[in-house]
Amino acid sequence: MAWSIQHLSAARRFTTQVDGLECVLEYTLDETAAARVMTITHTGVPPAVGGRGIAGALVQAAFDAARTEGWEVRPVCPYAAAWLARHPAYHDLQG
């Protein structure tokens, strides 16, 4: 299933609404380093809508945005780190 994921760059988050509940991925962006680094700090999906792949879609949206922007990604959120381990096509972005 596809969700409409919004990148709210000023708020440093990706979000989608599922069954009226907000699902989010939050990150920080270090723009002072030679390479900009997106650090994924939190992925949250309410239990009522969990198990549908929403968190994975949020993480993929973040990695896709990082690739487009030329950012490295540091997944400190345990879910994002586990997702990255299962998706070798994104390993080149790991910072």
PDB file of N, CA and C in Angstrom:
ATOM      1  N   MET A   1       0.841  -1.180   0.000  1.00  0.00           N
ATOM      2  CA  MET A   1       0.000   0.000   0.000  1.00  0.00           C
ATOM      3  C   MET A   1       0.888   1.245   0.000  1.00  0.00           C
ATOM      4  N   ALA A   2       0.480   2.263  -0.673  1.00  0.00           N
ATOM      5  CA  ALA A   2       1.242   3.508  -0.746  1.00  0.00           C
ATOM      6  C   ALA A   2       0.546   4.576   0.103  1.00  0.00           C
ATOM      7  N   TRP A   3       1.351   5.299   0.852  1.00  0.00           N
ATOM      8  CA  TRP A   3       0.840   6.393   1.667  1.00  0.00           C
ATOM      9  C   TRP A   3       1.388   7.691   1.111  1.00  0.00           C
ATOM     10  N   SER A   4       0.674   8.758   1.344  1.00  0.00           N
ATOM     11  CA  SER A   4       1.123  10.076   0.931  1.00  0.00           C
ATOM     12  C   SER A   4       2.040  10.621   2.028  1.00  0.00           C
ATOM     13  N   ILE A   5       3.330  10.523   1.791  1.00  0.00           N
ATOM     14  CA  ILE A   5       4.307  10.952   2.789  1.00  0.00           C
ATOM     15  C   ILE A   5       4.769  12.360   2.452  1.00  0.00           C
ATOM     16  N   GLN A   6       4.707  13.229   3.433  1.00  0.00           N
ATOM     17  CA  GLN A   6       5.124  14.619   3.284  1.00  0.00           C
ATOM     18  C   GLN A   6       6.490  14.809   3.931  1.00  0.00           C
ATOM     19  N   HIS A   7       7.382  15.523   3.259  1.00  0.00           N
ATOM     20  CA  HIS A   7       8.668  15.897   3.847  1.00  0.00           C
ATOM     21  C   HIS A   7       8.543  17.334   4.306  1.00  0.00           C
ATOM     22  N   LEU A   8       8.526  17.535   5.594  1.00  0.00           N
ATOM     23  CA  LEU A   8       8.450  18.868   6.176  1.00  0.00           C
ATOM     24  C   LEU A   8       9.872  19.274   6.542  1.00  0.00           C
ATOM     25  N   SER A   9      10.601  19.778   5.561  1.00  0.00           N
ATOM     26  CA  SER A   9      12.037  20.004   5.736  1.00  0.00           C
ATOM     27  C   SER A   9      12.344  21.017   6.829  1.00  0.00           C
ATOM     28  N   ALA A  10      11.552  22.058   6.985  1.00  0.00           N
ATOM     29  CA  ALA A  10      11.806  23.045   8.031  1.00  0.00           C
ATOM     30  C   ALA A  10      11.652  22.433   9.422  1.00  0.00           C
ATOM     31  N   ALA A  11      10.751  21.461   9.546  1.00  0.00           N
ATOM     32  CA  ALA A  11      10.528  20.780  10.827  1.00  0.00           C
ATOM     33  C   ALA A  11      11.412  19.552  10.990  1.00  0.00           C
ATOM     34  N   ARG A  12      12.161  19.214   9.932  1.00  0.00           N
ATOM     35  CA  ARG A  12      13.044  18.040   9.945  1.00  0.00           C
ATOM     36  C   ARG A  12      12.259  16.764  10.279  1.00  0.00           C
ATOM     37  N   ARG A  13      11.232  16.525   9.481  1.00  0.00           N
ATOM     38  CA  ARG A  13      10.426  15.314   9.685  1.00  0.00           C
ATOM     39  C   ARG A  13       9.695  14.904   8.416  1.00  0.00           C
ATOM     40  N   PHE A  14       9.386  13.625   8.359  1.00  0.00           N
ATOM     41  CA  PHE A  14       8.528  13.053   7.331  1.00  0.00           C
ATOM     42  C   PHE A  14       7.270  12.609   8.066  1.00  0.00           C
ATOM     43  N   THR A  15       6.131  12.788   7.447  1.00  0.00           N
ATOM     44  CA  THR A  15       4.890  12.452   8.128  1.00  0.00           C
ATOM     45  C   THR A  15       3.854  11.930   7.148  1.00  0.00           C
ATOM     46  N   THR A  16       2.959  11.120   7.666  1.00  0.00           N
ATOM     47  CA  THR A  16       1.799  10.663   6.905  1.00  0.00           C
ATOM     48  C   THR A  16       0.665  10.419   7.887  1.00  0.00           C
ATOM     49  N   GLN A  17      -0.537  10.527   7.406  1.00  0.00           N
ATOM     50  CA  GLN A  17      -1.729  10.249   8.205  1.00  0.00           C
ATOM     51  C   GLN A  17      -2.306   8.913   7.751  1.00  0.00           C
ATOM     52  N   VAL A  18      -2.554   8.031   8.709  1.00  0.00           N
ATOM     53  CA  VAL A  18      -3.162   6.737   8.411  1.00  0.00           C
ATOM     54  C   VAL A  18      -4.321   6.542   9.384  1.00  0.00           C
ATOM     55  N   ASP A  19      -5.508   6.375   8.848  1.00  0.00           N
ATOM     56  CA  ASP A  19      -6.714   6.226   9.670  1.00  0.00           C
ATOM     57  C   ASP A  19      -6.823   7.335  10.704  1.00  0.00           C
ATOM     58  N   GLY A  20      -6.455   8.559  10.304  1.00  0.00           N
ATOM     59  CA  GLY A  20      -6.555   9.706  11.188  1.00  0.00           C
ATOM     60  C   GLY A  20      -5.446   9.840  12.214  1.00  0.00           C
ATOM     61  N   LEU A  21      -4.455   8.957  12.166  1.00  0.00           N
ATOM     62  CA  LEU A  21      -3.336   8.994  13.117  1.00  0.00           C
ATOM     63  C   LEU A  21      -2.059   9.422  12.413  1.00  0.00           C
ATOM     64  N   GLU A  22      -1.274  10.249  13.097  1.00  0.00           N
ATOM     65  CA  GLU A  22      -0.031  10.724  12.512  1.00  0.00           C
ATOM     66  C   GLU A  22       1.104   9.728  12.754  1.00  0.00           C
ATOM     67  N   CYS A  23       1.834   9.439  11.684  1.00  0.00           N
ATOM     68  CA  CYS A  23       3.021   8.593  11.719  1.00  0.00           C
ATOM     69  C   CYS A  23       4.188   9.481  11.301  1.00  0.00           C
ATOM     70  N   VAL A  24       5.321   9.391  12.006  1.00  0.00           N
ATOM     71  CA  VAL A  24       6.402  10.337  11.758  1.00  0.00           C
ATOM     72  C   VAL A  24       7.773   9.675  11.733  1.00  0.00           C
ATOM     73  N   LEU A  25       8.661  10.338  11.040  1.00  0.00           N
ATOM     74  CA  LEU A  25      10.095  10.063  11.118  1.00  0.00           C
ATOM     75  C   LEU A  25      10.739  11.422  11.361  1.00  0.00           C
ATOM     76  N   GLU A  26      11.570  11.509  12.393  1.00  0.00           N
ATOM     77  CA  GLU A  26      12.230  12.766  12.737  1.00  0.00           C
ATOM     78  C   GLU A  26      13.723  12.627  12.515  1.00  0.00           C
ATOM     79  N   TYR A  27      14.358  13.729  12.130  1.00  0.00           N
ATOM     80  CA  TYR A  27      15.791  13.710  11.872  1.00  0.00           C
ATOM     81  C   TYR A  27      16.416  15.056  12.194  1.00  0.00           C
ATOM     82  N   THR A  28      17.728  15.049  12.329  1.00  0.00           N
ATOM     83  CA  THR A  28      18.489  16.284  12.404  1.00  0.00           C
ATOM     84  C   THR A  28      19.345  16.335  11.148  1.00  0.00           C
ATOM     85  N   LEU A  29      19.835  17.524  10.841  1.00  0.00           N
ATOM     86  CA  LEU A  29      20.670  17.680   9.658  1.00  0.00           C
ATOM     87  C   LEU A  29      21.895  18.490  10.030  1.00  0.00           C
ATOM     88  N   ASP A  30      23.055  17.869   9.941  1.00  0.00           N
ATOM     89  CA  ASP A  30      24.317  18.547  10.210  1.00  0.00           C
ATOM     90  C   ASP A  30      24.806  19.130   8.895  1.00  0.00           C
ATOM     91  N   GLU A  31      24.727  20.429   8.797  1.00  0.00           N
ATOM     92  CA  GLU A  31      25.129  21.099   7.566  1.00  0.00           C
ATOM     93  C   GLU A  31      26.519  21.714   7.671  1.00  0.00           C
ATOM     94  N   THR A  32      27.202  21.490   8.805  1.00  0.00           N
ATOM     95  CA  THR A  32      28.529  22.082   8.988  1.00  0.00           C
ATOM     96  C   THR A  32      29.642  21.163   8.524  1.00  0.00           C
ATOM     97  N   ALA A  33      29.360  19.892   8.427  1.00  0.00           N
ATOM     98  CA  ALA A  33      30.378  18.930   8.002  1.00  0.00           C
ATOM     99  C   ALA A  33      30.633  19.070   6.499  1.00  0.00           C
ATOM    100  N   ALA A  34      31.731  18.499   6.052  1.00  0.00           N
ATOM    101  CA  ALA A  34      32.055  18.523   4.618  1.00  0.00           C
ATOM    102  C   ALA A  34      30.907  17.923   3.807  1.00  0.00           C
ATOM    103  N   ALA A  35      30.345  16.839   4.304  1.00  0.00           N
ATOM    104  CA  ALA A  35      29.167  16.234   3.686  1.00  0.00           C
ATOM    105  C   ALA A  35      28.003  16.419   4.654  1.00  0.00           C
ATOM    106  N   ARG A  36      26.875  16.886   4.158  1.00  0.00           N
ATOM    107  CA  ARG A  36      25.720  17.042   5.042  1.00  0.00           C
ATOM    108  C   ARG A  36      25.243  15.663   5.479  1.00  0.00           C
ATOM    109  N   VAL A  37      24.896  15.559   6.765  1.00  0.00           N
ATOM    110  CA  VAL A  37      24.508  14.271   7.335  1.00  0.00           C
ATOM    111  C   VAL A  37      23.123  14.374   7.966  1.00  0.00           C
ATOM    112  N   MET A  38      22.216  13.537   7.466  1.00  0.00           N
ATOM    113  CA  MET A  38      20.887  13.385   8.053  1.00  0.00           C
ATOM    114  C   MET A  38      21.000  12.304   9.125  1.00  0.00           C
ATOM    115  N   THR A  39      20.676  12.650  10.358  1.00  0.00           N
ATOM    116  CA  THR A  39      20.657  11.669  11.440  1.00  0.00           C
ATOM    117  C   THR A  39      19.206  11.369  11.764  1.00  0.00           C
ATOM    118  N   ILE A  40      18.787  10.142  11.484  1.00  0.00           N
ATOM    119  CA  ILE A  40      17.411   9.732  11.772  1.00  0.00           C
ATOM    120  C   ILE A  40      17.346   9.389  13.256  1.00  0.00           C
ATOM    121  N   THR A  41      16.538  10.162  13.996  1.00  0.00           N
ATOM    122  CA  THR A  41      16.495  10.029  15.453  1.00  0.00           C
ATOM    123  C   THR A  41      15.283   9.268  15.971  1.00  0.00           C
ATOM    124  N   HIS A  42      14.205   9.241  15.194  1.00  0.00           N
ATOM    125  CA  HIS A  42      12.976   8.617  15.710  1.00  0.00           C
ATOM    126  C   HIS A  42      12.047   8.260  14.555  1.00  0.00           C
ATOM    127  N   THR A  43      11.468   7.084  14.651  1.00  0.00           N
ATOM    128  CA  THR A  43      10.398   6.674  13.745  1.00  0.00           C
ATOM    129  C   THR A  43       9.245   6.235  14.634  1.00  0.00           C
ATOM    130  N   GLY A  44       8.088   6.833  14.438  1.00  0.00           N
ATOM    131  CA  GLY A  44       6.954   6.507  15.294  1.00  0.00           C
ATOM    132  C   GLY A  44       5.682   6.244  14.523  1.00  0.00           C
ATOM    133  N   VAL A  45       5.106   5.070  14.800  1.00  0.00           N
ATOM    134  CA  VAL A  45       3.823   4.683  14.201  1.00  0.00           C
ATOM    135  C   VAL A  45       2.933   4.219  15.353  1.00  0.00           C
ATOM    136  N   PRO A  46       1.764   4.821  15.526  1.00  0.00           N
ATOM    137  CA  PRO A  46       0.876   4.392  16.602  1.00  0.00           C
ATOM    138  C   PRO A  46       0.524   2.903  16.479  1.00  0.00           C
ATOM    139  N   PRO A  47       0.436   2.195  17.602  1.00  0.00           N
ATOM    140  CA  PRO A  47       0.123   0.761  17.566  1.00  0.00           C
ATOM    141  C   PRO A  47      -1.153   0.417  16.793  1.00  0.00           C
ATOM    142  N   ALA A  48      -2.118   1.310  16.811  1.00  0.00           N
ATOM    143  CA  ALA A  48      -3.392   1.030  16.128  1.00  0.00           C
ATOM    144  C   ALA A  48      -3.229   0.855  14.625  1.00  0.00           C
ATOM    145  N   VAL A  49      -2.153   1.408  14.046  1.00  0.00           N
ATOM    146  CA  VAL A  49      -1.931   1.270  12.602  1.00  0.00           C
ATOM    147  C   VAL A  49      -0.597   0.582  12.311  1.00  0.00           C
ATOM    148  N   GLY A  50       0.000  -0.003  13.317  1.00  0.00           N
ATOM    149  CA  GLY A  50       1.276  -0.695  13.146  1.00  0.00           C
ATOM    150  C   GLY A  50       1.134  -1.977  12.344  1.00  0.00           C
ATOM    151  N   GLY A  51       2.262  -2.477  11.885  1.00  0.00           N
ATOM    152  CA  GLY A  51       2.279  -3.739  11.160  1.00  0.00           C
ATOM    153  C   GLY A  51       1.861  -3.644   9.708  1.00  0.00           C
ATOM    154  N   ARG A  52       1.767  -2.446   9.173  1.00  0.00           N
ATOM    155  CA  ARG A  52       1.334  -2.262   7.785  1.00  0.00           C
ATOM    156  C   ARG A  52       2.466  -1.818   6.865  1.00  0.00           C
ATOM    157  N   GLY A  53       3.663  -1.665   7.414  1.00  0.00           N
ATOM    158  CA  GLY A  53       4.788  -1.230   6.601  1.00  0.00           C
ATOM    159  C   GLY A  53       4.956   0.278   6.540  1.00  0.00           C
ATOM    160  N   ILE A  54       4.236   0.985   7.401  1.00  0.00           N
ATOM    161  CA  ILE A  54       4.281   2.450   7.376  1.00  0.00           C
ATOM    162  C   ILE A  54       5.655   2.961   7.788  1.00  0.00           C
ATOM    163  N   ALA A  55       6.214   2.412   8.850  1.00  0.00           N
ATOM    164  CA  ALA A  55       7.539   2.857   9.302  1.00  0.00           C
ATOM    165  C   ALA A  55       8.575   2.638   8.203  1.00  0.00           C
ATOM    166  N   GLY A  56       8.510   1.508   7.539  1.00  0.00           N
ATOM    167  CA  GLY A  56       9.436   1.227   6.442  1.00  0.00           C
ATOM    168  C   GLY A  56       9.287   2.228   5.305  1.00  0.00           C
ATOM    169  N   ALA A  57       8.052   2.614   5.009  1.00  0.00           N
ATOM    170  CA  ALA A  57       7.812   3.597   3.951  1.00  0.00           C
ATOM    171  C   ALA A  57       8.381   4.962   4.349  1.00  0.00           C
ATOM    172  N   LEU A  58       8.248   5.332   5.620  1.00  0.00           N
ATOM    173  CA  LEU A  58       8.814   6.596   6.095  1.00  0.00           C
ATOM    174  C   LEU A  58      10.337   6.584   5.992  1.00  0.00           C
ATOM    175  N   VAL A  59      10.952   5.477   6.408  1.00  0.00           N
ATOM    176  CA  VAL A  59      12.410   5.382   6.340  1.00  0.00           C
ATOM    177  C   VAL A  59      12.879   5.420   4.890  1.00  0.00           C
ATOM    178  N   GLN A  60      12.207   4.696   4.016  1.00  0.00           N
ATOM    179  CA  GLN A  60      12.601   4.722   2.612  1.00  0.00           C
ATOM    180  C   GLN A  60      12.457   6.121   2.036  1.00  0.00           C
ATOM    181  N   ALA A  61      11.403   6.836   2.391  1.00  0.00           N
ATOM    182  CA  ALA A  61      11.225   8.208   1.906  1.00  0.00           C
ATOM    183  C   ALA A  61      12.379   9.086   2.369  1.00  0.00           C
ATOM    184  N   ALA A  62      12.817   8.888   3.608  1.00  0.00           N
ATOM    185  CA  ALA A  62      13.943   9.676   4.128  1.00  0.00           C
ATOM    186  C   ALA A  62      15.227   9.350   3.379  1.00  0.00           C
ATOM    187  N   PHE A  63      15.497   8.069   3.148  1.00  0.00           N
ATOM    188  CA  PHE A  63      16.700   7.684   2.414  1.00  0.00           C
ATOM    189  C   PHE A  63      16.641   8.172   0.966  1.00  0.00           C
ATOM    190  N   ASP A  64      15.469   8.104   0.353  1.00  0.00           N
ATOM    191  CA  ASP A  64      15.335   8.597  -1.019  1.00  0.00           C
ATOM    192  C   ASP A  64      15.589  10.105  -1.081  1.00  0.00           C
ATOM    193  N   ALA A  65      15.079  10.840  -0.103  1.00  0.00           N
ATOM    194  CA  ALA A  65      15.310  12.288  -0.060  1.00  0.00           C
ATOM    195  C   ALA A  65      16.796  12.580   0.147  1.00  0.00           C
ATOM    196  N   ALA A  66      17.437  11.810   1.019  1.00  0.00           N
ATOM    197  CA  ALA A  66      18.870  12.001   1.264  1.00  0.00           C
ATOM    198  C   ALA A  66      19.667  11.753  -0.016  1.00  0.00           C
ATOM    199  N   ARG A  67      19.304  10.729  -0.757  1.00  0.00           N
ATOM    200  CA  ARG A  67      20.000  10.438  -2.016  1.00  0.00           C
ATOM    201  C   ARG A  67      19.827  11.607  -2.996  1.00  0.00           C
ATOM    202  N   THR A  68      18.625  12.117  -3.096  1.00  0.00           N
ATOM    203  CA  THR A  68      18.351  13.244  -3.995  1.00  0.00           C
ATOM    204  C   THR A  68      19.163  14.479  -3.601  1.00  0.00           C
ATOM    205  N   GLU A  69      19.280  14.718  -2.298  1.00  0.00           N
ATOM    206  CA  GLU A  69      19.980  15.904  -1.804  1.00  0.00           C
ATOM    207  C   GLU A  69      21.498  15.721  -1.727  1.00  0.00           C
ATOM    208  N   GLY A  70      21.972  14.475  -1.864  1.00  0.00           N
ATOM    209  CA  GLY A  70      23.403  14.214  -1.748  1.00  0.00           C
ATOM    210  C   GLY A  70      23.885  14.142  -0.308  1.00  0.00           C
ATOM    211  N   TRP A  71      22.977  13.792   0.616  1.00  0.00           N
ATOM    212  CA  TRP A  71      23.309  13.691   2.031  1.00  0.00           C
ATOM    213  C   TRP A  71      23.750  12.283   2.384  1.00  0.00           C
ATOM    214  N   GLU A  72      24.582  12.183   3.406  1.00  0.00           N
ATOM    215  CA  GLU A  72      24.847  10.904   4.049  1.00  0.00           C
ATOM    216  C   GLU A  72      23.751  10.706   5.096  1.00  0.00           C
ATOM    217  N   VAL A  73      23.567   9.462   5.542  1.00  0.00           N
ATOM    218  CA  VAL A  73      22.538   9.170   6.536  1.00  0.00           C
ATOM    219  C   VAL A  73      23.154   8.394   7.691  1.00  0.00           C
ATOM    220  N   ARG A  74      22.829   8.832   8.897  1.00  0.00           N
ATOM    221  CA  ARG A  74      23.233   8.134  10.113  1.00  0.00           C
ATOM    222  C   ARG A  74      21.949   7.707  10.823  1.00  0.00           C
ATOM    223  N   PRO A  75      21.596   6.420  10.767  1.00  0.00           N
ATOM    224  CA  PRO A  75      20.359   5.968  11.409  1.00  0.00           C
ATOM    225  C   PRO A  75      20.599   5.596  12.879  1.00  0.00           C
ATOM    226  N   VAL A  76      20.351   6.517  13.797  1.00  0.00           N
ATOM    227  CA  VAL A  76      20.492   6.183  15.214  1.00  0.00           C
ATOM    228  C   VAL A  76      19.195   5.614  15.785  1.00  0.00           C
ATOM    229  N   CYS A  77      18.101   5.833  15.121  1.00  0.00           N
ATOM    230  CA  CYS A  77      16.837   5.196  15.487  1.00  0.00           C
ATOM    231  C   CYS A  77      16.988   3.699  15.235  1.00  0.00           C
ATOM    232  N   PRO A  78      16.697   2.849  16.220  1.00  0.00           N
ATOM    233  CA  PRO A  78      16.870   1.401  16.025  1.00  0.00           C
ATOM    234  C   PRO A  78      16.087   0.840  14.842  1.00  0.00           C
ATOM    235  N   TYR A  79      14.868   1.342  14.619  1.00  0.00           N
ATOM    236  CA  TYR A  79      14.094   0.838  13.486  1.00  0.00           C
ATOM    237  C   TYR A  79      14.778   1.195  12.174  1.00  0.00           C
ATOM    238  N   ALA A  80      15.222   2.440  12.033  1.00  0.00           N
ATOM    239  CA  ALA A  80      15.872   2.869  10.795  1.00  0.00           C
ATOM    240  C   ALA A  80      17.159   2.089  10.555  1.00  0.00           C
ATOM    241  N   ALA A  81      17.909   1.813  11.628  1.00  0.00           N
ATOM    242  CA  ALA A  81      19.146   1.033  11.492  1.00  0.00           C
ATOM    243  C   ALA A  81      18.835  -0.388  11.031  1.00  0.00           C
ATOM    244  N   ALA A  82      17.803  -0.996  11.580  1.00  0.00           N
ATOM    245  CA  ALA A  82      17.414  -2.352  11.169  1.00  0.00           C
ATOM    246  C   ALA A  82      16.918  -2.352   9.722  1.00  0.00           C
ATOM    247  N   TRP A  83      16.177  -1.321   9.334  1.00  0.00           N
ATOM    248  CA  TRP A  83      15.695  -1.213   7.962  1.00  0.00           C
ATOM    249  C   TRP A  83      16.876  -1.133   7.004  1.00  0.00           C
ATOM    250  N   LEU A  84      17.852  -0.304   7.340  1.00  0.00           N
ATOM    251  CA  LEU A  84      19.021  -0.156   6.480  1.00  0.00           C
ATOM    252  C   LEU A  84      19.763  -1.482   6.327  1.00  0.00           C
ATOM    253  N   ALA A  85      19.872  -2.240   7.396  1.00  0.00           N
ATOM    254  CA  ALA A  85      20.561  -3.531   7.330  1.00  0.00           C
ATOM    255  C   ALA A  85      19.885  -4.479   6.338  1.00  0.00           C
ATOM    256  N   ARG A  86      18.579  -4.333   6.155  1.00  0.00           N
ATOM    257  CA  ARG A  86      17.824  -5.200   5.237  1.00  0.00           C
ATOM    258  C   ARG A  86      17.742  -4.657   3.819  1.00  0.00           C
ATOM    259  N   HIS A  87      18.303  -3.465   3.573  1.00  0.00           N
ATOM    260  CA  HIS A  87      18.187  -2.830   2.251  1.00  0.00           C
ATOM    261  C   HIS A  87      19.565  -2.395   1.748  1.00  0.00           C
ATOM    262  N   PRO A  88      20.341  -3.326   1.216  1.00  0.00           N
ATOM    263  CA  PRO A  88      21.706  -3.010   0.793  1.00  0.00           C
ATOM    264  C   PRO A  88      21.796  -1.946  -0.300  1.00  0.00           C
ATOM    265  N   ALA A  89      20.736  -1.701  -1.027  1.00  0.00           N
ATOM    266  CA  ALA A  89      20.780  -0.674  -2.075  1.00  0.00           C
ATOM    267  C   ALA A  89      20.996   0.723  -1.489  1.00  0.00           C
ATOM    268  N   TYR A  90      20.808   0.875  -0.185  1.00  0.00           N
ATOM    269  CA  TYR A  90      20.979   2.168   0.462  1.00  0.00           C
ATOM    270  C   TYR A  90      22.257   2.239   1.310  1.00  0.00           C
ATOM    271  N   HIS A  91      23.034   1.171   1.366  1.00  0.00           N
ATOM    272  CA  HIS A  91      24.243   1.159   2.195  1.00  0.00           C
ATOM    273  C   HIS A  91      25.227   2.257   1.829  1.00  0.00           C
ATOM    274  N   ASP A  92      25.252   2.670   0.562  1.00  0.00           N
ATOM    275  CA  ASP A  92      26.197   3.702   0.138  1.00  0.00           C
ATOM    276  C   ASP A  92      25.918   5.056   0.777  1.00  0.00           C
ATOM    277  N   LEU A  93      24.740   5.249   1.356  1.00  0.00           N
ATOM    278  CA  LEU A  93      24.394   6.527   1.992  1.00  0.00           C
ATOM    279  C   LEU A  93      24.792   6.590   3.460  1.00  0.00           C
ATOM    280  N   GLN A  94      25.127   5.441   4.028  1.00  0.00           N
ATOM    281  CA  GLN A  94      25.427   5.403   5.456  1.00  0.00           C
ATOM    282  C   GLN A  94      26.657   6.240   5.768  1.00  0.00           C
ATOM    283  N   GLY A  95      26.477   7.169   6.709  1.00  0.00           N
ATOM    284  CA  GLY A  95      27.560   8.066   7.101  1.00  0.00           C
ATOM    285  C   GLY A  95      28.106   7.782   8.463  1.00  0.00           C
TER     286      GLY A  95
END
